[in-house]
Amino acid sequence: MPLSGDDLEMVLRLCAAMVAGALIGYERSYHGRPAGFRTHALVCTASSLLMLVTAYEARWVNTATELVRLDPTRMAQGIMTGIGFLGAGAIMKEGLSVRGLTTAASVWITAAIGILAGIGFYLPLVVSVLLTLGMLSLFRLIEARMPTQAYYHFEVRYTPDSGMTEGTLRKLVESFGFSIANFSYRLDGEERLRRHSMVLCSTDRTGISRLAEALHALGTVHEFRIAPASD
């Protein structure tokens, strides 16, 4: 069966939404944010699906009389509101990391696909299912190969007579490819241990283990702590 102009327009809108969401998500993934490539692509495509329900309402709702006017989009609004609570339950925070964002987005877009099935928009339904499967599987492979920035909370303590200075510490950290932000100063207790806290950023995820080994080998470092940061 040949596709009509409206059918092609719906497919174009779905693909445009997926590409737009993926581009924005890539920027978030690159900066190490938990809601990234696939999550943004899924949410943007789901929003496009729901707008198709409204934009092409005349294709699936019989024209009402002047005495009775229907607003079937309210049902879609109610469904998506309820699904939002279900998706929120799939998001979990474990320590400094966030899990379940992509699962929540996939639940949301599945609800949108169900709405398309209910109103009989079979072509957008098939296209959206294929796009969703592609985003969840193919995009996973792309996301795994994308260069991304990793963030770490770094704390280090050393004695004043160790010979370690702020400049020496900065050069050591930067030699492993890290940039430094939020550098802070603190003097601890009667031992007067100097403590510095900072946030490290790098696209090389192997650098953190090499930095830890270098700090461990230094006799001047009293204590250090490195922990991944999710945001």
C-alpha atoms as a PDB file:
ATOM      1  CA  MET A   1       0.000   0.000   0.000  1.00  0.00           C
ATOM      2  CA  PRO A   2       1.547   3.328  -1.050  1.00  0.00           C
ATOM      3  CA  LEU A   3       2.221   5.853   1.678  1.00  0.00           C
ATOM      4  CA  SER A   4       0.269   9.084   1.713  1.00  0.00           C
ATOM      5  CA  GLY A   5       1.761  12.515   2.236  1.00  0.00           C
ATOM      6  CA  ASP A   6       0.599  12.501   5.855  1.00  0.00           C
ATOM      7  CA  ASP A   7       2.245   9.124   6.451  1.00  0.00           C
ATOM      8  CA  LEU A   8       5.586  10.358   5.159  1.00  0.00           C
ATOM      9  CA  GLU A   9       5.260  13.529   7.208  1.00  0.00           C
ATOM     10  CA  MET A  10       4.658  11.508  10.394  1.00  0.00           C
ATOM     11  CA  VAL A  11       7.719   9.336   9.736  1.00  0.00           C
ATOM     12  CA  LEU A  12       9.802  12.459   9.081  1.00  0.00           C
ATOM     13  CA  ARG A  13       8.672  14.055  12.329  1.00  0.00           C
ATOM     14  CA  LEU A  14       9.497  10.932  14.344  1.00  0.00           C
ATOM     15  CA  CYS A  15      12.964  10.676  12.806  1.00  0.00           C
ATOM     16  CA  ALA A  16      13.602  14.392  13.328  1.00  0.00           C
ATOM     17  CA  ALA A  17      12.632  14.078  16.991  1.00  0.00           C
ATOM     18  CA  MET A  18      14.927  11.098  17.471  1.00  0.00           C
ATOM     19  CA  VAL A  19      17.895  12.893  15.872  1.00  0.00           C
ATOM     20  CA  ALA A  20      17.265  16.089  17.859  1.00  0.00           C
ATOM     21  CA  GLY A  21      17.024  14.209  21.145  1.00  0.00           C
ATOM     22  CA  ALA A  22      20.124  12.157  20.342  1.00  0.00           C
ATOM     23  CA  LEU A  23      22.183  15.268  19.607  1.00  0.00           C
ATOM     24  CA  ILE A  24      21.207  16.901  22.893  1.00  0.00           C
ATOM     25  CA  GLY A  25      21.753  13.623  24.728  1.00  0.00           C
ATOM     26  CA  TYR A  26      25.220  13.268  23.239  1.00  0.00           C
ATOM     27  CA  GLU A  27      26.213  16.602  24.752  1.00  0.00           C
ATOM     28  CA  ARG A  28      24.966  15.404  28.162  1.00  0.00           C
ATOM     29  CA  SER A  29      26.703  12.020  27.826  1.00  0.00           C
ATOM     30  CA  TYR A  30      29.955  13.714  26.864  1.00  0.00           C
ATOM     31  CA  HIS A  31      29.874  15.697  30.093  1.00  0.00           C
ATOM     32  CA  GLY A  32      29.223  12.554  32.143  1.00  0.00           C
ATOM     33  CA  ARG A  33      25.596  13.268  33.073  1.00  0.00           C
ATOM     34  CA  PRO A  34      23.318  10.338  34.016  1.00  0.00           C
ATOM     35  CA  ALA A  35      20.521  11.323  31.593  1.00  0.00           C
ATOM     36  CA  GLY A  36      22.352  11.080  28.321  1.00  0.00           C
ATOM     37  CA  PHE A  37      22.298   9.829  24.735  1.00  0.00           C
ATOM     38  CA  ARG A  38      19.563   7.181  24.735  1.00  0.00           C
ATOM     39  CA  THR A  39      17.428   8.811  27.432  1.00  0.00           C
ATOM     40  CA  HIS A  40      17.096  12.113  25.582  1.00  0.00           C
ATOM     41  CA  ALA A  41      16.426  10.358  22.268  1.00  0.00           C
ATOM     42  CA  LEU A  42      13.648   8.245  23.811  1.00  0.00           C
ATOM     43  CA  VAL A  43      11.974  11.155  25.585  1.00  0.00           C
ATOM     44  CA  CYS A  44      12.079  13.401  22.509  1.00  0.00           C
ATOM     45  CA  THR A  45      10.630  10.672  20.286  1.00  0.00           C
ATOM     46  CA  ALA A  46       7.885   9.926  22.826  1.00  0.00           C
ATOM     47  CA  SER A  47       6.927  13.592  22.890  1.00  0.00           C
ATOM     48  CA  SER A  48       6.704  13.579  19.094  1.00  0.00           C
ATOM     49  CA  LEU A  49       4.455  10.508  19.203  1.00  0.00           C
ATOM     50  CA  LEU A  50       2.043  12.215  21.562  1.00  0.00           C
ATOM     51  CA  MET A  51       1.937  15.341  19.423  1.00  0.00           C
ATOM     52  CA  LEU A  52       1.020  13.185  16.397  1.00  0.00           C
ATOM     53  CA  VAL A  53      -2.056  12.068  18.312  1.00  0.00           C
ATOM     54  CA  THR A  54      -3.181  15.692  18.553  1.00  0.00           C
ATOM     55  CA  ALA A  55      -1.944  16.978  15.199  1.00  0.00           C
ATOM     56  CA  TYR A  56      -3.736  14.219  13.244  1.00  0.00           C
ATOM     57  CA  GLU A  57      -6.773  13.910  15.478  1.00  0.00           C
ATOM     58  CA  ALA A  58      -9.119  14.181  12.505  1.00  0.00           C
ATOM     59  CA  ARG A  59      -7.772  10.892  11.134  1.00  0.00           C
ATOM     60  CA  TRP A  60      -8.858   8.805  14.116  1.00  0.00           C
ATOM     61  CA  VAL A  61     -11.808  10.639  15.675  1.00  0.00           C
ATOM     62  CA  ASN A  62     -15.182  10.840  13.969  1.00  0.00           C
ATOM     63  CA  THR A  63     -16.421  14.399  13.601  1.00  0.00           C
ATOM     64  CA  ALA A  64     -18.688  15.260  16.487  1.00  0.00           C
ATOM     65  CA  THR A  65     -21.956  17.099  16.118  1.00  0.00           C
ATOM     66  CA  GLU A  66     -22.324  20.723  17.078  1.00  0.00           C
ATOM     67  CA  LEU A  67     -24.093  19.669  20.284  1.00  0.00           C
ATOM     68  CA  VAL A  68     -21.412  17.229  21.499  1.00  0.00           C
ATOM     69  CA  ARG A  69     -17.701  17.969  21.227  1.00  0.00           C
ATOM     70  CA  LEU A  70     -15.085  15.387  22.110  1.00  0.00           C
ATOM     71  CA  ASP A  71     -11.594  15.934  23.478  1.00  0.00           C
ATOM     72  CA  PRO A  72      -9.991  12.467  23.248  1.00  0.00           C
ATOM     73  CA  THR A  73      -6.501  13.852  23.883  1.00  0.00           C
ATOM     74  CA  ARG A  74      -7.412  14.140  27.561  1.00  0.00           C
ATOM     75  CA  MET A  75      -7.221  10.367  27.803  1.00  0.00           C
ATOM     76  CA  ALA A  76      -3.665  10.442  26.418  1.00  0.00           C
ATOM     77  CA  GLN A  77      -2.751  13.152  28.914  1.00  0.00           C
ATOM     78  CA  GLY A  78      -4.104  11.061  31.784  1.00  0.00           C
ATOM     79  CA  ILE A  79      -2.224   7.974  30.616  1.00  0.00           C
ATOM     80  CA  MET A  80       1.105   9.778  30.366  1.00  0.00           C
ATOM     81  CA  THR A  81       0.638  11.397  33.785  1.00  0.00           C
ATOM     82  CA  GLY A  82       0.108   8.002  35.367  1.00  0.00           C
ATOM     83  CA  ILE A  83       3.033   6.474  33.491  1.00  0.00           C
ATOM     84  CA  GLY A  84       5.219   9.283  34.819  1.00  0.00           C
ATOM     85  CA  PHE A  85       4.797   7.944  38.354  1.00  0.00           C
ATOM     86  CA  LEU A  86       5.645   4.429  37.152  1.00  0.00           C
ATOM     87  CA  GLY A  87       8.780   5.688  35.419  1.00  0.00           C
ATOM     88  CA  ALA A  88       9.846   7.600  38.528  1.00  0.00           C
ATOM     89  CA  GLY A  89       9.778   4.340  40.455  1.00  0.00           C
ATOM     90  CA  ALA A  90      12.334   2.851  38.057  1.00  0.00           C
ATOM     91  CA  ILE A  91      14.921   5.558  38.832  1.00  0.00           C
ATOM     92  CA  MET A  92      17.272   4.725  41.691  1.00  0.00           C
ATOM     93  CA  LYS A  93      20.208   6.571  43.212  1.00  0.00           C
ATOM     94  CA  GLU A  94      23.010   4.291  44.344  1.00  0.00           C
ATOM     95  CA  GLY A  95      25.680   6.260  46.152  1.00  0.00           C
ATOM     96  CA  LEU A  96      26.952   8.863  43.698  1.00  0.00           C
ATOM     97  CA  SER A  97      25.457   7.185  40.621  1.00  0.00           C
ATOM     98  CA  VAL A  98      21.943   7.261  39.166  1.00  0.00           C
ATOM     99  CA  ARG A  99      20.378   4.185  37.546  1.00  0.00           C
ATOM    100  CA  GLY A 100      17.135   3.550  35.685  1.00  0.00           C
ATOM    101  CA  LEU A 101      16.781   6.760  33.672  1.00  0.00           C
ATOM    102  CA  THR A 102      16.784   4.938  30.322  1.00  0.00           C
ATOM    103  CA  THR A 103      14.350   2.334  31.674  1.00  0.00           C
ATOM    104  CA  ALA A 104      12.001   5.104  32.797  1.00  0.00           C
ATOM    105  CA  ALA A 105      12.238   6.734  29.364  1.00  0.00           C
ATOM    106  CA  SER A 106      11.525   3.394  27.645  1.00  0.00           C
ATOM    107  CA  VAL A 107       8.436   2.907  29.841  1.00  0.00           C
ATOM    108  CA  TRP A 108       7.237   6.360  28.837  1.00  0.00           C
ATOM    109  CA  ILE A 109       7.717   5.825  25.108  1.00  0.00           C
ATOM    110  CA  THR A 110       6.065   2.385  25.361  1.00  0.00           C
ATOM    111  CA  ALA A 111       2.994   4.085  26.800  1.00  0.00           C
ATOM    112  CA  ALA A 112       3.008   6.502  23.862  1.00  0.00           C
ATOM    113  CA  ILE A 113       3.243   3.566  21.438  1.00  0.00           C
ATOM    114  CA  GLY A 114       0.284   1.950  23.194  1.00  0.00           C
ATOM    115  CA  ILE A 115      -1.732   5.107  22.598  1.00  0.00           C
ATOM    116  CA  LEU A 116      -0.913   4.897  18.893  1.00  0.00           C
ATOM    117  CA  ALA A 117      -2.151   1.302  18.841  1.00  0.00           C
ATOM    118  CA  GLY A 118      -5.351   2.349  20.583  1.00  0.00           C
ATOM    119  CA  ILE A 119      -6.188   5.032  18.016  1.00  0.00           C
ATOM    120  CA  GLY A 120      -5.138   2.917  15.029  1.00  0.00           C
ATOM    121  CA  PHE A 121      -2.026   4.799  13.892  1.00  0.00           C
ATOM    122  CA  TYR A 122      -0.329   1.631  12.693  1.00  0.00           C
ATOM    123  CA  LEU A 123       2.399   3.145  10.518  1.00  0.00           C
ATOM    124  CA  PRO A 124       3.745   5.514  13.226  1.00  0.00           C
ATOM    125  CA  LEU A 125       3.431   2.602  15.661  1.00  0.00           C
ATOM    126  CA  VAL A 126       5.656   0.334  13.567  1.00  0.00           C
ATOM    127  CA  VAL A 127       8.164   3.124  12.880  1.00  0.00           C
ATOM    128  CA  SER A 128       8.317   4.128  16.552  1.00  0.00           C
ATOM    129  CA  VAL A 129       8.836   0.513  17.670  1.00  0.00           C
ATOM    130  CA  LEU A 130      11.736   0.143  15.226  1.00  0.00           C
ATOM    131  CA  LEU A 131      13.225   3.479  16.317  1.00  0.00           C
ATOM    132  CA  THR A 132      12.875   2.561  19.993  1.00  0.00           C
ATOM    133  CA  LEU A 133      14.547  -0.817  19.531  1.00  0.00           C
ATOM    134  CA  GLY A 134      17.319   0.903  17.589  1.00  0.00           C
ATOM    135  CA  MET A 135      17.812   3.499  20.312  1.00  0.00           C
ATOM    136  CA  LEU A 136      17.946   0.870  23.058  1.00  0.00           C
ATOM    137  CA  SER A 137      20.289  -1.524  21.230  1.00  0.00           C
ATOM    138  CA  LEU A 138      22.259   0.250  18.504  1.00  0.00           C
ATOM    139  CA  PHE A 139      22.586   3.481  20.472  1.00  0.00           C
ATOM    140  CA  ARG A 140      23.993   1.448  23.381  1.00  0.00           C
ATOM    141  CA  LEU A 141      26.928   0.413  21.173  1.00  0.00           C
ATOM    142  CA  ILE A 142      27.401   3.986  19.956  1.00  0.00           C
ATOM    143  CA  GLU A 143      27.219   5.348  23.499  1.00  0.00           C
ATOM    144  CA  ALA A 144      29.841   2.854  24.700  1.00  0.00           C
ATOM    145  CA  ARG A 145      32.291   4.137  22.075  1.00  0.00           C
ATOM    146  CA  MET A 146      31.640   7.855  22.520  1.00  0.00           C
ATOM    147  CA  PRO A 147      34.334   9.913  24.259  1.00  0.00           C
ATOM    148  CA  THR A 148      32.902  11.177  27.528  1.00  0.00           C
ATOM    149  CA  GLN A 149      34.179  13.268  30.393  1.00  0.00           C
ATOM    150  CA  ALA A 150      34.460  11.569  33.780  1.00  0.00           C
ATOM    151  CA  TYR A 151      34.248  13.543  37.033  1.00  0.00           C
ATOM    152  CA  TYR A 152      35.783  12.599  40.389  1.00  0.00           C
ATOM    153  CA  HIS A 153      35.729  14.041  43.901  1.00  0.00           C
ATOM    154  CA  PHE A 154      39.323  14.134  45.132  1.00  0.00           C
ATOM    155  CA  GLU A 155      40.544  14.782  48.690  1.00  0.00           C
ATOM    156  CA  VAL A 156      44.143  14.617  49.869  1.00  0.00           C
ATOM    157  CA  ARG A 157      45.861  15.260  53.219  1.00  0.00           C
ATOM    158  CA  TYR A 158      49.544  15.824  53.933  1.00  0.00           C
ATOM    159  CA  THR A 159      51.661  17.288  56.711  1.00  0.00           C
ATOM    160  CA  PRO A 160      53.010  20.852  56.463  1.00  0.00           C
ATOM    161  CA  ASP A 161      56.633  19.651  56.618  1.00  0.00           C
ATOM    162  CA  SER A 162      56.172  17.158  53.764  1.00  0.00           C
ATOM    163  CA  GLY A 163      57.376  19.603  51.132  1.00  0.00           C
ATOM    164  CA  MET A 164      54.120  19.243  49.210  1.00  0.00           C
ATOM    165  CA  THR A 165      52.703  22.574  48.014  1.00  0.00           C
ATOM    166  CA  GLU A 166      49.594  23.547  46.140  1.00  0.00           C
ATOM    167  CA  GLY A 167      51.604  24.059  42.981  1.00  0.00           C
ATOM    168  CA  THR A 168      53.267  20.655  43.310  1.00  0.00           C
ATOM    169  CA  LEU A 169      49.897  18.958  43.853  1.00  0.00           C
ATOM    170  CA  ARG A 170      48.315  20.708  40.872  1.00  0.00           C
ATOM    171  CA  LYS A 171      51.201  19.725  38.587  1.00  0.00           C
ATOM    172  CA  LEU A 172      50.979  16.108  39.768  1.00  0.00           C
ATOM    173  CA  VAL A 173      47.238  15.893  39.101  1.00  0.00           C
ATOM    174  CA  GLU A 174      47.428  17.680  35.747  1.00  0.00           C
ATOM    175  CA  SER A 175      50.266  15.417  34.598  1.00  0.00           C
ATOM    176  CA  PHE A 176      47.741  12.567  34.409  1.00  0.00           C
ATOM    177  CA  GLY A 177      45.444  14.556  32.086  1.00  0.00           C
ATOM    178  CA  PHE A 178      43.008  15.981  34.644  1.00  0.00           C
ATOM    179  CA  SER A 179      41.573  19.462  34.841  1.00  0.00           C
ATOM    180  CA  ILE A 180      40.862  20.834  38.328  1.00  0.00           C
ATOM    181  CA  ALA A 181      37.806  22.719  39.576  1.00  0.00           C
ATOM    182  CA  ASN A 182      36.468  23.812  42.995  1.00  0.00           C
ATOM    183  CA  PHE A 183      39.864  23.684  44.713  1.00  0.00           C
ATOM    184  CA  SER A 184      39.418  24.160  48.483  1.00  0.00           C
ATOM    185  CA  TYR A 185      41.728  24.508  51.502  1.00  0.00           C
ATOM    186  CA  ARG A 186      41.468  23.142  55.047  1.00  0.00           C
ATOM    187  CA  LEU A 187      43.728  22.685  58.079  1.00  0.00           C
ATOM    188  CA  ASP A 188      42.825  19.662  60.256  1.00  0.00           C
ATOM    189  CA  GLY A 189      43.241  19.235  64.013  1.00  0.00           C
ATOM    190  CA  GLU A 190      46.240  19.430  66.276  1.00  0.00           C
ATOM    191  CA  GLU A 191      48.385  17.630  63.728  1.00  0.00           C
ATOM    192  CA  ARG A 192      47.712  20.575  61.427  1.00  0.00           C
ATOM    193  CA  LEU A 193      47.314  18.348  58.397  1.00  0.00           C
ATOM    194  CA  ARG A 194      46.653  20.253  55.220  1.00  0.00           C
ATOM    195  CA  ARG A 195      43.611  19.038  53.305  1.00  0.00           C
ATOM    196  CA  HIS A 196      42.666  19.958  49.766  1.00  0.00           C
ATOM    197  CA  SER A 197      39.392  19.016  48.088  1.00  0.00           C
ATOM    198  CA  MET A 198      38.666  19.407  44.391  1.00  0.00           C
ATOM    199  CA  VAL A 199      36.749  18.028  41.427  1.00  0.00           C
ATOM    200  CA  LEU A 200      38.772  16.335  38.702  1.00  0.00           C
ATOM    201  CA  CYS A 201      37.676  15.960  35.079  1.00  0.00           C
ATOM    202  CA  SER A 202      39.178  13.919  32.250  1.00  0.00           C
ATOM    203  CA  THR A 203      38.183  11.978  29.132  1.00  0.00           C
ATOM    204  CA  ASP A 204      40.808   9.319  29.937  1.00  0.00           C
ATOM    205  CA  ARG A 205      39.240   6.917  32.442  1.00  0.00           C
ATOM    206  CA  THR A 206      42.532   5.082  32.989  1.00  0.00           C
ATOM    207  CA  GLY A 207      44.188   8.180  34.405  1.00  0.00           C
ATOM    208  CA  ILE A 208      42.450   7.882  37.773  1.00  0.00           C
ATOM    209  CA  SER A 209      44.067   4.525  38.589  1.00  0.00           C
ATOM    210  CA  ARG A 210      47.483   5.844  37.584  1.00  0.00           C
ATOM    211  CA  LEU A 211      46.987   8.911  39.774  1.00  0.00           C
ATOM    212  CA  ALA A 212      46.006   6.713  42.728  1.00  0.00           C
ATOM    213  CA  GLU A 213      49.143   4.595  42.289  1.00  0.00           C
ATOM    214  CA  ALA A 214      51.324   7.701  42.135  1.00  0.00           C
ATOM    215  CA  LEU A 215      49.782   9.123  45.317  1.00  0.00           C
ATOM    216  CA  HIS A 216      50.159   5.784  47.092  1.00  0.00           C
ATOM    217  CA  ALA A 217      53.851   5.731  46.222  1.00  0.00           C
ATOM    218  CA  LEU A 218      54.420   9.206  47.705  1.00  0.00           C
ATOM    219  CA  GLY A 219      55.538   9.089  51.315  1.00  0.00           C
ATOM    220  CA  THR A 220      54.505  12.717  51.774  1.00  0.00           C
ATOM    221  CA  VAL A 221      50.771  11.974  51.313  1.00  0.00           C
ATOM    222  CA  HIS A 222      49.094  11.149  54.624  1.00  0.00           C
ATOM    223  CA  GLU A 223      45.708  10.169  53.176  1.00  0.00           C
ATOM    224  CA  PHE A 224      43.698  10.561  49.934  1.00  0.00           C
ATOM    225  CA  ARG A 225      40.253   9.697  48.648  1.00  0.00           C
ATOM    226  CA  ILE A 226      38.955   9.539  45.045  1.00  0.00           C
ATOM    227  CA  ALA A 227      35.275   8.916  44.302  1.00  0.00           C
ATOM    228  CA  PRO A 228      33.330   9.139  41.016  1.00  0.00           C
ATOM    229  CA  ALA A 229      30.890  12.026  40.711  1.00  0.00           C
ATOM    230  CA  SER A 230      27.596  11.537  38.816  1.00  0.00           C
ATOM    231  CA  ASP A 231      27.055  15.245  38.175  1.00  0.00           C
END
